[in-house]
């Protein structure tokens, strides 16, 4: 089956309602319900579900750059909001971007967005790169089904377990290259889909010890997923959040 990148925003903005009442609570697509992820953030556009993100400080969220474009035009700050502080986004707190305070990476599909201070635990940033064979965990509120992904956006956070593969693996063609800014993963349990873009790829460890390894940006909905590597963007991230 032909690989497709998860460019989610245009499709998700066509949703006419939350479409969450029928969404199962225990899936990514075949994944599981999350029980801990205080740094996870749900992104909304015009009040509708769009993407996922991660709090990297109390005032900065990182997500995927493509989540902030609609029909090749930037989505204005006034249309964007985030739900934070609860794994059930319906119970979370709403925060909004500080106007004009967002910046995209020139090298990867990442966007940093400044918001009013949040009462959340920020995710530590990885300082070393991922390696083939490493198991990682993806989090998001995205689709729990194939087909009409708008009809099955989850109101609760869910997760999938993935394994990093070599960037020269044939499955990664077009999405990751040796020495490039992105890394490629294979399915272990569950696969991320529409609505998960921009969400955290975390190391696996005891609660409170996880680090942010990547920003999810695409999958084939079956076996393979892709993410921008945080360690390669540390200089940019730190320079932006200092201002």
Protein backbone atom coordinates (compact mmCIF):
# COMPACT_ATOMS: atom_id res chain seq x y z
CA UNK A 1 0.00 0.00 0.00
CA UNK A 2 1.34 3.45 -0.90
CA UNK A 3 2.68 5.42 2.07
CA UNK A 4 0.84 8.59 2.94
CA UNK A 5 2.16 11.33 5.17
CA UNK A 6 -0.12 12.58 7.94
CA UNK A 7 -0.91 16.11 6.82
CA UNK A 8 -3.93 16.41 9.00
CA UNK A 9 -5.10 19.94 9.35
CA UNK A 10 -7.05 20.46 6.14
CA UNK A 11 -9.04 17.28 6.60
CA UNK A 12 -9.68 17.84 10.27
CA UNK A 13 -10.88 21.41 9.81
CA UNK A 14 -13.67 20.02 7.64
CA UNK A 15 -15.17 18.37 10.70
CA UNK A 16 -18.55 19.90 11.44
CA UNK A 17 -18.64 18.77 15.07
CA UNK A 18 -16.52 17.11 17.69
CA UNK A 19 -17.58 13.67 16.46
CA UNK A 20 -16.26 12.24 19.71
CA UNK A 21 -19.23 10.54 21.29
CA UNK A 22 -18.63 7.32 19.39
CA UNK A 23 -14.83 7.31 19.73
CA UNK A 24 -13.40 4.38 21.67
CA UNK A 25 -11.32 5.23 24.72
CA UNK A 26 -8.69 2.56 24.15
CA UNK A 27 -6.97 2.98 20.84
CA UNK A 28 -4.58 4.92 18.66
CA UNK A 29 -5.27 2.54 15.90
CA UNK A 30 -4.80 -0.60 17.93
CA UNK A 31 -2.95 1.16 20.76
CA UNK A 32 -4.00 1.83 24.35
CA UNK A 33 -5.37 4.49 26.68
CA UNK A 34 -2.75 6.70 28.33
CA UNK A 35 -2.57 6.97 32.11
CA UNK A 36 0.24 9.53 32.41
CA UNK A 37 1.27 12.38 30.13
CA UNK A 38 1.05 15.76 31.91
CA UNK A 39 2.93 17.52 29.10
CA UNK A 40 0.52 16.45 26.32
CA UNK A 41 -1.51 19.25 24.69
CA UNK A 42 -4.53 19.10 22.35
CA UNK A 43 -4.60 21.71 19.58
CA UNK A 44 -7.92 23.09 18.29
CA UNK A 45 -8.70 25.35 15.35
CA UNK A 46 -12.02 27.20 15.45
CA UNK A 47 -12.85 25.01 18.44
CA UNK A 48 -12.46 21.80 16.41
CA UNK A 49 -9.84 19.07 16.98
CA UNK A 50 -6.76 19.49 14.83
CA UNK A 51 -3.43 18.24 16.16
CA UNK A 52 -1.47 17.33 19.29
CA UNK A 53 1.47 19.08 20.95
CA UNK A 54 3.80 19.05 23.93
CA UNK A 55 4.46 21.62 26.66
CA UNK A 56 8.23 22.15 26.74
CA UNK A 57 8.00 24.98 29.31
CA UNK A 58 5.07 26.57 31.16
CA UNK A 59 4.81 29.08 28.30
CA UNK A 60 5.89 27.19 25.19
CA UNK A 61 4.27 24.37 23.22
CA UNK A 62 5.92 22.45 20.40
CA UNK A 63 3.90 20.84 17.60
CA UNK A 64 4.18 20.20 13.85
CA UNK A 65 4.48 23.19 11.52
CA UNK A 66 1.98 21.76 9.05
CA UNK A 67 -0.73 21.96 11.72
CA UNK A 68 -0.63 25.75 11.40
CA UNK A 69 -1.39 25.93 7.69
CA UNK A 70 -4.68 25.56 5.84
CA UNK A 71 -4.70 25.53 2.03
CA UNK A 72 -1.07 26.79 2.11
CA UNK A 73 -2.10 29.82 4.21
CA UNK A 74 -1.12 30.39 7.84
CA UNK A 75 -3.93 29.86 10.33
CA UNK A 76 -4.34 33.10 12.35
CA UNK A 77 -3.54 32.99 16.07
CA UNK A 78 -7.10 34.02 16.95
CA UNK A 79 -8.46 30.75 15.50
CA UNK A 80 -6.12 28.54 17.57
CA UNK A 81 -6.52 27.27 21.12
CA UNK A 82 -5.08 24.47 23.22
CA UNK A 83 -6.53 22.21 25.92
CA UNK A 84 -4.05 21.37 28.66
CA UNK A 85 -3.87 19.77 32.08
CA UNK A 86 -6.05 16.67 31.65
CA UNK A 87 -5.84 13.42 29.69
CA UNK A 88 -9.54 13.89 28.88
CA UNK A 89 -9.46 17.01 26.73
CA UNK A 90 -13.08 17.81 27.59
CA UNK A 91 -11.92 18.47 31.16
CA UNK A 92 -8.77 20.40 30.29
CA UNK A 93 -8.05 24.11 30.61
CA UNK A 94 -8.09 26.31 27.50
CA UNK A 95 -5.05 28.45 26.71
CA UNK A 96 -4.46 30.60 23.65
CA UNK A 97 -1.38 31.66 21.69
CA UNK A 98 0.32 34.95 22.48
CA UNK A 99 -0.28 36.85 19.21
CA UNK A 100 2.71 36.82 16.90
CA UNK A 101 4.78 34.55 19.15
CA UNK A 102 5.27 31.40 17.13
CA UNK A 103 8.22 30.24 15.10
CA UNK A 104 8.79 27.30 12.78
CA UNK A 105 12.00 25.38 12.34
CA UNK A 106 13.83 25.87 9.07
CA UNK A 107 15.03 22.26 9.14
CA UNK A 108 12.15 20.15 10.40
CA UNK A 109 8.35 19.99 10.63
CA UNK A 110 8.26 21.71 14.04
CA UNK A 111 6.57 24.82 15.39
CA UNK A 112 7.06 26.54 18.75
CA UNK A 113 4.07 28.51 20.08
CA UNK A 114 4.08 30.82 23.08
CA UNK A 115 0.96 30.79 25.29
CA UNK A 116 -0.14 32.31 28.57
CA UNK A 117 1.44 30.42 31.52
CA UNK A 118 0.10 26.88 31.93
CA UNK A 119 -0.17 24.85 35.14
CA UNK A 120 1.40 21.76 33.61
CA UNK A 121 4.55 19.68 33.91
CA UNK A 122 6.82 20.38 30.95
CA UNK A 123 8.54 17.58 29.05
CA UNK A 124 12.34 17.42 29.35
CA UNK A 125 14.11 17.65 25.99
CA UNK A 126 16.33 14.81 24.81
CA UNK A 127 19.95 15.83 24.37
CA UNK A 128 21.04 12.67 22.54
CA UNK A 129 19.65 11.14 19.39
CA UNK A 130 17.54 8.02 18.98
CA UNK A 131 19.10 4.77 17.79
CA UNK A 132 17.83 1.82 15.73
CA UNK A 133 16.07 -0.74 17.89
CA UNK A 134 15.09 1.80 20.55
CA UNK A 135 11.49 1.48 21.76
CA UNK A 136 9.60 4.78 22.02
CA UNK A 137 6.05 5.85 22.86
CA UNK A 138 3.78 8.19 20.89
CA UNK A 139 0.87 10.11 22.44
CA UNK A 140 -2.12 11.82 20.86
CA UNK A 141 -5.87 12.46 20.73
CA UNK A 142 -6.14 11.54 17.07
CA UNK A 143 -8.11 9.00 15.07
CA UNK A 144 -8.87 5.58 16.51
CA UNK A 145 -10.04 4.09 13.20
CA UNK A 146 -9.11 3.90 9.54
CA UNK A 147 -11.30 5.42 6.87
CA UNK A 148 -13.17 8.51 8.07
CA UNK A 149 -10.69 9.66 10.70
CA UNK A 150 -12.80 12.73 11.52
CA UNK A 151 -15.51 10.44 12.86
CA UNK A 152 -13.32 8.78 15.49
CA UNK A 153 -11.17 11.45 17.11
CA UNK A 154 -10.59 10.41 20.70
CA UNK A 155 -11.61 12.63 23.64
CA UNK A 156 -9.02 10.85 25.82
CA UNK A 157 -5.31 10.64 25.28
CA UNK A 158 -4.01 7.40 23.81
CA UNK A 159 -0.64 5.98 22.92
CA UNK A 160 1.22 3.61 20.66
CA UNK A 161 4.52 1.82 21.17
CA UNK A 162 6.98 2.01 18.29
CA UNK A 163 10.56 0.94 17.53
CA UNK A 164 13.14 3.15 15.80
CA UNK A 165 14.45 1.70 12.54
CA UNK A 166 17.44 2.61 10.39
CA UNK A 167 16.82 5.69 8.23
CA UNK A 168 17.96 3.77 5.16
CA UNK A 169 15.26 1.13 5.71
CA UNK A 170 13.16 0.96 2.49
CA UNK A 171 10.02 1.68 4.52
CA UNK A 172 11.44 5.11 5.40
CA UNK A 173 12.03 6.22 1.83
CA UNK A 174 10.86 9.79 1.34
CA UNK A 175 10.57 10.51 5.06
CA UNK A 176 13.94 9.90 6.69
CA UNK A 177 17.51 9.83 5.39
CA UNK A 178 20.81 9.15 7.16
CA UNK A 179 21.94 12.33 8.89
CA UNK A 180 18.60 14.04 8.27
CA UNK A 181 16.34 15.84 10.79
CA UNK A 182 13.71 13.07 10.99
CA UNK A 183 13.65 9.50 12.23
CA UNK A 184 11.56 6.51 11.23
CA UNK A 185 9.70 4.00 13.44
CA UNK A 186 7.91 0.69 13.02
CA UNK A 187 4.76 -0.44 14.78
CA UNK A 188 5.03 -2.49 17.95
CA UNK A 189 1.59 -1.82 19.41
CA UNK A 190 -0.69 0.67 17.69
CA UNK A 191 -0.01 3.24 14.98
CA UNK A 192 -0.66 7.02 15.12
CA UNK A 193 -3.03 8.61 12.63
CA UNK A 194 -5.00 11.78 11.83
CA UNK A 195 -5.08 14.25 14.74
CA UNK A 196 -1.85 12.93 16.29
CA UNK A 197 0.43 15.18 14.22
CA UNK A 198 2.72 17.33 16.33
CA UNK A 199 2.36 15.05 19.32
CA UNK A 200 5.18 13.79 21.53
CA UNK A 201 7.40 10.83 20.83
CA UNK A 202 8.78 10.03 24.28
CA UNK A 203 11.38 7.74 25.75
CA UNK A 204 9.93 4.89 27.81
CA UNK A 205 10.72 4.85 31.51
CA UNK A 206 9.26 5.30 35.00
CA UNK A 207 6.77 8.13 35.37
CA UNK A 208 8.49 11.49 35.41
CA UNK A 209 11.68 10.26 33.75
CA UNK A 210 10.52 10.38 30.12
CA UNK A 211 12.19 12.77 27.67
CA UNK A 212 10.84 14.27 24.46
CA UNK A 213 12.63 12.52 21.60
CA UNK A 214 10.57 13.65 18.64
CA UNK A 215 7.61 15.52 17.19
CA UNK A 216 5.33 13.16 15.27
CA UNK A 217 4.63 14.19 11.69
CA UNK A 218 3.41 11.22 9.65
CA UNK A 219 2.46 7.55 9.29
CA UNK A 220 1.19 5.08 6.72
CA UNK A 221 -1.65 4.07 9.10
CA UNK A 222 -0.38 0.49 9.08
CA UNK A 223 3.24 -0.18 10.02
CA UNK A 224 5.50 2.89 9.78
CA UNK A 225 5.61 6.35 11.40
CA UNK A 226 7.95 9.36 11.21
CA UNK A 227 9.02 12.19 13.50
CA UNK A 228 11.30 15.20 13.69
CA UNK A 229 14.22 14.56 16.05
CA UNK A 230 14.33 16.93 19.01
CA UNK A 231 18.03 16.50 19.79
CA UNK A 232 18.89 17.85 16.34
CA UNK A 233 16.76 20.96 16.97
CA UNK A 234 17.93 21.76 20.52
CA UNK A 235 19.84 24.91 19.60
CA UNK A 236 16.81 26.32 17.77
CA UNK A 237 14.34 25.31 20.51
CA UNK A 238 16.45 26.83 23.27
CA UNK A 239 17.05 30.05 21.36
CA UNK A 240 13.33 30.55 20.77
CA UNK A 241 12.08 29.78 24.29
CA UNK A 242 14.64 32.11 25.86
CA UNK A 243 12.88 35.09 24.27
